Amino acid sequence: QGPISGVNKEIAVLQCHGDCDPLVPLMFGSLTVEKLKSMINPANVSFRTYSGMMHSSCIEEMMDVKQFIDKHLPPVD
């Protein structure tokens, strides 16, 4: 566990989780996001859940990831 200070406290985080994940239960995702919010600016932490998604991905999740990247990373020329 390294120090979190300065710019690191303002990092934007998107955490995604399927509500039917048999490998990593949703409860663990919820606990993780609460821990993140206690370590960095909670306003910068987004937690998205996806109905019926197991330990995989879905189109809705990929669209959320794309939107997050477009919002937080500079465009590539």
Protein backbone atom coordinates (compact mmCIF):
# COMPACT_ATOMS: atom_id res chain seq x y z
CA GLN A 1 0.00 0.00 0.00
CA GLY A 2 1.74 3.11 -1.24
CA PRO A 3 1.08 6.70 -0.32
CA ILE A 4 -1.81 8.45 -1.99
CA SER A 5 -1.33 12.19 -2.14
CA GLY A 6 -1.38 15.16 -4.46
CA VAL A 7 -2.40 14.33 -8.02
CA ASN A 8 -3.10 10.71 -7.13
CA LYS A 9 -5.98 11.77 -4.87
CA GLU A 10 -7.70 13.33 -7.91
CA ILE A 11 -7.39 10.37 -10.28
CA ALA A 12 -10.61 9.30 -12.00
CA VAL A 13 -11.61 5.66 -11.53
CA LEU A 14 -14.26 3.62 -13.30
CA GLN A 15 -15.01 0.27 -11.70
CA CYS A 16 -17.38 -2.10 -13.51
CA HIS A 17 -18.97 -5.27 -12.19
CA GLY A 18 -21.52 -7.82 -13.31
CA ASP A 19 -24.24 -8.59 -10.78
CA CYS A 20 -24.07 -12.32 -11.60
CA ASP A 21 -20.27 -12.76 -11.42
CA PRO A 22 -19.63 -16.21 -9.89
CA LEU A 23 -15.86 -15.63 -9.45
CA VAL A 24 -15.84 -12.17 -7.86
CA PRO A 25 -19.12 -11.59 -6.01
CA LEU A 26 -20.74 -8.17 -6.38
CA MET A 27 -20.27 -7.65 -2.62
CA PHE A 28 -16.48 -7.61 -3.15
CA GLY A 29 -16.85 -5.01 -5.89
CA SER A 30 -18.97 -2.88 -3.57
CA LEU A 31 -16.41 -3.18 -0.77
CA THR A 32 -13.61 -2.26 -3.18
CA VAL A 33 -15.35 0.86 -4.42
CA GLU A 34 -15.98 2.02 -0.84
CA LYS A 35 -12.29 1.52 -0.01
CA LEU A 36 -11.31 3.51 -3.12
CA LYS A 37 -13.65 6.32 -2.10
CA SER A 38 -11.95 6.47 1.30
CA MET A 39 -8.52 6.78 -0.33
CA ILE A 40 -9.13 9.23 -3.18
CA ASN A 41 -11.66 11.94 -3.99
CA PRO A 42 -14.95 10.00 -3.85
CA ALA A 43 -16.48 12.32 -6.46
CA ASN A 44 -14.01 10.86 -8.98
CA VAL A 45 -14.98 7.23 -8.39
CA SER A 46 -17.68 5.68 -10.57
CA PHE A 47 -19.07 2.21 -9.95
CA ARG A 48 -21.23 0.63 -12.63
CA THR A 49 -23.03 -2.68 -12.37
CA TYR A 50 -24.50 -4.65 -15.23
CA SER A 51 -27.60 -6.78 -14.86
CA GLY A 52 -27.10 -10.43 -15.75
CA MET A 53 -23.38 -10.04 -16.52
CA MET A 54 -21.14 -12.79 -15.22
CA HIS A 55 -17.31 -12.73 -15.07
CA SER A 56 -17.17 -11.22 -18.55
CA SER A 57 -18.06 -8.01 -20.35
CA CYS A 58 -21.00 -6.67 -22.30
CA ILE A 59 -21.66 -3.99 -24.91
CA GLU A 60 -23.07 -1.58 -22.30
CA GLU A 61 -19.91 -1.92 -20.20
CA MET A 62 -17.66 -1.35 -23.21
CA MET A 63 -19.64 1.78 -24.11
CA ASP A 64 -19.20 3.06 -20.53
CA VAL A 65 -15.44 2.37 -20.74
CA LYS A 66 -15.24 4.22 -24.06
CA GLN A 67 -17.13 7.19 -22.64
CA PHE A 68 -14.82 7.22 -19.58
CA ILE A 69 -11.69 7.14 -21.77
CA ASP A 70 -13.03 9.85 -24.08
CA LYS A 71 -13.78 12.05 -21.06
CA HIS A 72 -10.54 11.56 -19.10
CA LEU A 73 -7.76 10.93 -21.60
CA PRO A 74 -6.49 13.32 -24.24
CA PRO A 75 -7.22 12.43 -27.86
CA VAL A 76 -4.58 10.54 -29.81
CA ASP A 77 -3.52 12.06 -33.11
